[in-house]
Amino acid sequence: MQESKLFATLRTLCKSDVQFVVVGGLAAVLNGAPIQTYDIDLVYSREQANVDRLLGFLQEIDAIFRLQPELRLRPAASHLAGGGHLNLLTRYGPVDLLATIGGNLTYSDLLPLSDEMEIGEGIRVRVLNLETLISIKEQLASDKDLAVLPILRQTLRLAITRLD
């Protein structure tokens, strides 16, 4: 995802007052890992007011389900209130919305495991910390997750060394 589209997505989310934590590859990048990512992965609050704001955000950015995009199926509140993962295409690029991550960690569970970061252009977002991201990728253990773990561990070691 191009940087300008990434900022546009996050700016619109923040403007919509949606409660979320950035996870996945983008969280790794924002924590300093030298990797590429092609989508935005977010764990969001499933409280009704937030689901309503998130639905408005998805309408504003023309979100449709990634599977069979030719059908132009749009997410509904019932999809967001459920417990699954929504893989979406938007006018800014791919966005994956997750009700939970790892061992069923919710938005509320992730808050103390995340940090607020200013990522530019006055955009402040909550980002999953590197330690938790590593732990989740170890649990998931997909080929993609295992391939990036050495990079994430080295990034964490470098960050700790800089603090000492």
C-alpha atoms as a PDB file:
ATOM      1  CA  MET A   1       0.000   0.000   0.000  1.00  0.00           C
ATOM      2  CA  GLN A   2       1.440   3.381  -0.941  1.00  0.00           C
ATOM      3  CA  GLU A   3       2.308   5.642   1.965  1.00  0.00           C
ATOM      4  CA  SER A   4      -0.151   8.374   0.916  1.00  0.00           C
ATOM      5  CA  LYS A   5      -2.987   5.825   0.792  1.00  0.00           C
ATOM      6  CA  LEU A   6      -1.924   4.445   4.163  1.00  0.00           C
ATOM      7  CA  PHE A   7      -2.069   7.925   5.698  1.00  0.00           C
ATOM      8  CA  ALA A   8      -5.408   8.605   4.011  1.00  0.00           C
ATOM      9  CA  THR A   9      -6.877   5.433   5.513  1.00  0.00           C
ATOM     10  CA  LEU A  10      -5.559   6.151   9.006  1.00  0.00           C
ATOM     11  CA  ARG A  11      -6.479   9.845   8.832  1.00  0.00           C
ATOM     12  CA  THR A  12     -10.053   8.953   7.848  1.00  0.00           C
ATOM     13  CA  LEU A  13     -10.249   6.362  10.637  1.00  0.00           C
ATOM     14  CA  CYS A  14      -9.071   8.891  13.207  1.00  0.00           C
ATOM     15  CA  LYS A  15     -11.409  11.563  11.850  1.00  0.00           C
ATOM     16  CA  SER A  16     -14.251   9.053  12.229  1.00  0.00           C
ATOM     17  CA  ASP A  17     -13.271   8.543  15.898  1.00  0.00           C
ATOM     18  CA  VAL A  18     -12.993   4.765  15.435  1.00  0.00           C
ATOM     19  CA  GLN A  19     -11.283   2.884  18.264  1.00  0.00           C
ATOM     20  CA  PHE A  20      -8.664   0.464  16.910  1.00  0.00           C
ATOM     21  CA  VAL A  21      -5.158  -0.928  17.386  1.00  0.00           C
ATOM     22  CA  VAL A  22      -2.818  -1.315  14.405  1.00  0.00           C
ATOM     23  CA  VAL A  23      -1.472  -4.884  14.269  1.00  0.00           C
ATOM     24  CA  GLY A  24       0.276  -7.078  11.691  1.00  0.00           C
ATOM     25  CA  GLY A  25       2.856  -5.874   9.207  1.00  0.00           C
ATOM     26  CA  LEU A  26       2.052  -2.209   9.624  1.00  0.00           C
ATOM     27  CA  ALA A  27       2.573  -2.475  13.393  1.00  0.00           C
ATOM     28  CA  ALA A  28       5.973  -4.027  12.673  1.00  0.00           C
ATOM     29  CA  VAL A  29       6.872  -1.178  10.294  1.00  0.00           C
ATOM     30  CA  LEU A  30       5.729   1.484  12.760  1.00  0.00           C
ATOM     31  CA  ASN A  31       7.880  -0.205  15.409  1.00  0.00           C
ATOM     32  CA  GLY A  32      10.912   0.130  13.108  1.00  0.00           C
ATOM     33  CA  ALA A  33      11.053  -3.257  11.366  1.00  0.00           C
ATOM     34  CA  PRO A  34      12.477  -3.037   7.826  1.00  0.00           C
ATOM     35  CA  ILE A  35       9.703  -4.997   6.125  1.00  0.00           C
ATOM     36  CA  GLN A  36       7.036  -4.238   3.539  1.00  0.00           C
ATOM     37  CA  THR A  37       3.322  -4.570   4.008  1.00  0.00           C
ATOM     38  CA  TYR A  38       0.525  -4.381   1.509  1.00  0.00           C
ATOM     39  CA  ASP A  39      -2.487  -3.911   3.768  1.00  0.00           C
ATOM     40  CA  ILE A  40      -3.607  -2.455   7.064  1.00  0.00           C
ATOM     41  CA  ASP A  41      -4.535  -4.904   9.826  1.00  0.00           C
ATOM     42  CA  LEU A  42      -6.661  -3.508  12.648  1.00  0.00           C
ATOM     43  CA  VAL A  43      -8.256  -4.951  15.765  1.00  0.00           C
ATOM     44  CA  TYR A  44     -11.280  -2.804  16.557  1.00  0.00           C
ATOM     45  CA  SER A  45     -13.585  -2.292  19.517  1.00  0.00           C
ATOM     46  CA  ARG A  46     -16.848  -4.165  19.046  1.00  0.00           C
ATOM     47  CA  GLU A  47     -18.826  -1.798  21.281  1.00  0.00           C
ATOM     48  CA  GLN A  48     -21.958  -0.767  19.393  1.00  0.00           C
ATOM     49  CA  ALA A  49     -21.083   2.931  19.152  1.00  0.00           C
ATOM     50  CA  ASN A  50     -17.673   2.063  17.682  1.00  0.00           C
ATOM     51  CA  VAL A  51     -19.189  -0.466  15.270  1.00  0.00           C
ATOM     52  CA  ASP A  52     -21.527   2.291  14.057  1.00  0.00           C
ATOM     53  CA  ARG A  53     -18.583   4.694  13.532  1.00  0.00           C
ATOM     54  CA  LEU A  54     -16.563   1.950  11.824  1.00  0.00           C
ATOM     55  CA  LEU A  55     -19.444   1.187   9.487  1.00  0.00           C
ATOM     56  CA  GLY A  56     -19.633   4.871   8.541  1.00  0.00           C
ATOM     57  CA  PHE A  57     -15.880   4.862   7.874  1.00  0.00           C
ATOM     58  CA  LEU A  58     -16.214   1.770   5.660  1.00  0.00           C
ATOM     59  CA  GLN A  59     -19.000   3.416   3.669  1.00  0.00           C
ATOM     60  CA  GLU A  60     -16.912   6.569   3.249  1.00  0.00           C
ATOM     61  CA  ILE A  61     -13.958   4.637   1.805  1.00  0.00           C
ATOM     62  CA  ASP A  62     -16.127   2.377  -0.396  1.00  0.00           C
ATOM     63  CA  ALA A  63     -15.179  -0.878   1.358  1.00  0.00           C
ATOM     64  CA  ILE A  64     -16.193  -4.171  -0.237  1.00  0.00           C
ATOM     65  CA  PHE A  65     -15.292  -7.756   0.609  1.00  0.00           C
ATOM     66  CA  ARG A  66     -12.060  -8.879  -1.038  1.00  0.00           C
ATOM     67  CA  LEU A  67     -13.467 -12.304  -1.875  1.00  0.00           C
ATOM     68  CA  GLN A  68     -15.432 -11.990  -5.120  1.00  0.00           C
ATOM     69  CA  PRO A  69     -14.967  -8.217  -5.481  1.00  0.00           C
ATOM     70  CA  GLU A  70     -17.007  -8.261  -8.676  1.00  0.00           C
ATOM     71  CA  LEU A  71     -20.125  -8.757  -6.499  1.00  0.00           C
ATOM     72  CA  ARG A  72     -19.366  -5.479  -4.648  1.00  0.00           C
ATOM     73  CA  LEU A  73     -20.626  -6.904  -1.349  1.00  0.00           C
ATOM     74  CA  ARG A  74     -20.388  -4.370   1.477  1.00  0.00           C
ATOM     75  CA  PRO A  75     -19.892  -5.141   5.156  1.00  0.00           C
ATOM     76  CA  ALA A  76     -22.857  -4.620   7.471  1.00  0.00           C
ATOM     77  CA  ALA A  77     -23.050  -3.966  11.206  1.00  0.00           C
ATOM     78  CA  SER A  78     -23.743  -7.674  11.774  1.00  0.00           C
ATOM     79  CA  HIS A  79     -20.377  -8.536  10.166  1.00  0.00           C
ATOM     80  CA  LEU A  80     -18.566  -6.087  12.440  1.00  0.00           C
ATOM     81  CA  ALA A  81     -20.361  -7.178  15.603  1.00  0.00           C
ATOM     82  CA  GLY A  82     -19.446 -10.825  14.929  1.00  0.00           C
ATOM     83  CA  GLY A  83     -16.176 -12.390  15.936  1.00  0.00           C
ATOM     84  CA  GLY A  84     -14.442 -12.893  12.627  1.00  0.00           C
ATOM     85  CA  HIS A  85     -11.974 -11.294  10.282  1.00  0.00           C
ATOM     86  CA  LEU A  86     -13.091  -9.070   7.433  1.00  0.00           C
ATOM     87  CA  ASN A  87     -10.782  -8.830   4.445  1.00  0.00           C
ATOM     88  CA  LEU A  88     -11.780  -5.721   2.556  1.00  0.00           C
ATOM     89  CA  LEU A  89     -10.811  -3.680  -0.482  1.00  0.00           C
ATOM     90  CA  THR A  90     -11.203   0.081  -0.250  1.00  0.00           C
ATOM     91  CA  ARG A  91     -10.470   3.018  -2.495  1.00  0.00           C
ATOM     92  CA  TYR A  92      -7.217   3.378  -0.517  1.00  0.00           C
ATOM     93  CA  GLY A  93      -6.217  -0.308  -0.676  1.00  0.00           C
ATOM     94  CA  PRO A  94      -6.680  -3.499   1.353  1.00  0.00           C
ATOM     95  CA  VAL A  95      -7.857  -3.261   4.976  1.00  0.00           C
ATOM     96  CA  ASP A  96      -8.237  -6.288   7.232  1.00  0.00           C
ATOM     97  CA  LEU A  97     -10.511  -5.846  10.251  1.00  0.00           C
ATOM     98  CA  LEU A  98     -10.059  -8.334  13.051  1.00  0.00           C
ATOM     99  CA  ALA A  99     -12.358  -8.772  16.028  1.00  0.00           C
ATOM    100  CA  THR A 100      -9.574 -10.659  17.819  1.00  0.00           C
ATOM    101  CA  ILE A 101      -5.974 -11.665  17.218  1.00  0.00           C
ATOM    102  CA  GLY A 102      -3.675 -14.388  18.505  1.00  0.00           C
ATOM    103  CA  GLY A 103      -5.114 -16.207  21.497  1.00  0.00           C
ATOM    104  CA  ASN A 104      -8.467 -14.433  21.127  1.00  0.00           C
ATOM    105  CA  LEU A 105      -7.117 -11.049  22.239  1.00  0.00           C
ATOM    106  CA  THR A 106      -9.710  -8.287  21.836  1.00  0.00           C
ATOM    107  CA  TYR A 107      -9.280  -4.541  21.408  1.00  0.00           C
ATOM    108  CA  SER A 108      -9.553  -4.109  25.198  1.00  0.00           C
ATOM    109  CA  ASP A 109      -6.913  -6.804  25.771  1.00  0.00           C
ATOM    110  CA  LEU A 110      -4.546  -5.085  23.327  1.00  0.00           C
ATOM    111  CA  LEU A 111      -4.790  -1.561  24.774  1.00  0.00           C
ATOM    112  CA  PRO A 112      -2.182  -2.148  27.519  1.00  0.00           C
ATOM    113  CA  LEU A 113      -0.011  -3.986  24.962  1.00  0.00           C
ATOM    114  CA  SER A 114       0.028  -1.057  22.546  1.00  0.00           C
ATOM    115  CA  ASP A 115       1.505   2.414  22.395  1.00  0.00           C
ATOM    116  CA  GLU A 116       0.085   5.609  20.987  1.00  0.00           C
ATOM    117  CA  MET A 117       2.262   6.889  18.170  1.00  0.00           C
ATOM    118  CA  GLU A 118       2.207  10.010  16.069  1.00  0.00           C
ATOM    119  CA  ILE A 119       2.852   8.738  12.570  1.00  0.00           C
ATOM    120  CA  GLY A 120       2.848  12.048  10.755  1.00  0.00           C
ATOM    121  CA  GLU A 121       0.443  14.656   9.512  1.00  0.00           C
ATOM    122  CA  GLY A 122      -0.987  14.929  13.064  1.00  0.00           C
ATOM    123  CA  ILE A 123      -2.238  11.337  12.946  1.00  0.00           C
ATOM    124  CA  ARG A 124      -2.060   9.534  16.293  1.00  0.00           C
ATOM    125  CA  VAL A 125      -2.810   5.795  16.388  1.00  0.00           C
ATOM    126  CA  ARG A 126      -2.463   2.934  18.844  1.00  0.00           C
ATOM    127  CA  VAL A 127       0.110   0.385  17.639  1.00  0.00           C
ATOM    128  CA  LEU A 128       0.686  -3.096  19.036  1.00  0.00           C
ATOM    129  CA  ASN A 129       4.088  -3.318  20.713  1.00  0.00           C
ATOM    130  CA  LEU A 130       6.807  -5.424  19.132  1.00  0.00           C
ATOM    131  CA  GLU A 131       7.018  -7.940  22.002  1.00  0.00           C
ATOM    132  CA  THR A 132       3.331  -8.815  21.662  1.00  0.00           C
ATOM    133  CA  LEU A 133       3.506  -8.885  17.878  1.00  0.00           C
ATOM    134  CA  ILE A 134       6.377 -11.377  18.068  1.00  0.00           C
ATOM    135  CA  SER A 135       4.477 -13.528  20.558  1.00  0.00           C
ATOM    136  CA  ILE A 136       1.383 -13.599  18.354  1.00  0.00           C
ATOM    137  CA  LYS A 137       3.377 -14.479  15.241  1.00  0.00           C
ATOM    138  CA  GLU A 138       5.061 -17.309  17.186  1.00  0.00           C
ATOM    139  CA  GLN A 139       1.618 -18.638  18.162  1.00  0.00           C
ATOM    140  CA  LEU A 140       0.221 -18.394  14.644  1.00  0.00           C
ATOM    141  CA  ALA A 141       3.336 -19.976  13.123  1.00  0.00           C
ATOM    142  CA  SER A 142       2.263 -19.634   9.483  1.00  0.00           C
ATOM    143  CA  ASP A 143       5.056 -19.695   6.904  1.00  0.00           C
ATOM    144  CA  LYS A 144       4.694 -15.937   6.457  1.00  0.00           C
ATOM    145  CA  ASP A 145       4.824 -15.311  10.222  1.00  0.00           C
ATOM    146  CA  LEU A 146       7.837 -17.584  10.734  1.00  0.00           C
ATOM    147  CA  ALA A 147       9.706 -15.893   7.877  1.00  0.00           C
ATOM    148  CA  VAL A 148       9.400 -12.421   9.428  1.00  0.00           C
ATOM    149  CA  LEU A 149      10.178 -13.444  13.034  1.00  0.00           C
ATOM    150  CA  PRO A 150      13.991 -13.113  12.754  1.00  0.00           C
ATOM    151  CA  ILE A 151      13.584  -9.545  11.470  1.00  0.00           C
ATOM    152  CA  LEU A 152      11.158  -8.647  14.259  1.00  0.00           C
ATOM    153  CA  ARG A 153      13.408 -10.160  16.934  1.00  0.00           C
ATOM    154  CA  GLN A 154      16.437  -8.256  15.606  1.00  0.00           C
ATOM    155  CA  THR A 155      14.422  -5.025  15.502  1.00  0.00           C
ATOM    156  CA  LEU A 156      13.442  -5.573  19.132  1.00  0.00           C
ATOM    157  CA  ARG A 157      17.068  -6.282  20.135  1.00  0.00           C
ATOM    158  CA  LEU A 158      18.208  -3.086  18.431  1.00  0.00           C
ATOM    159  CA  ALA A 159      15.468  -1.066  20.111  1.00  0.00           C
ATOM    160  CA  ILE A 160      16.438  -2.425  23.546  1.00  0.00           C
ATOM    161  CA  THR A 161      20.135  -1.742  22.871  1.00  0.00           C
ATOM    162  CA  ARG A 162      19.325   1.885  21.989  1.00  0.00           C
ATOM    163  CA  LEU A 163      17.476   2.278  25.292  1.00  0.00           C
ATOM    164  CA  ASP A 164      20.476   1.053  27.320  1.00  0.00           C
END
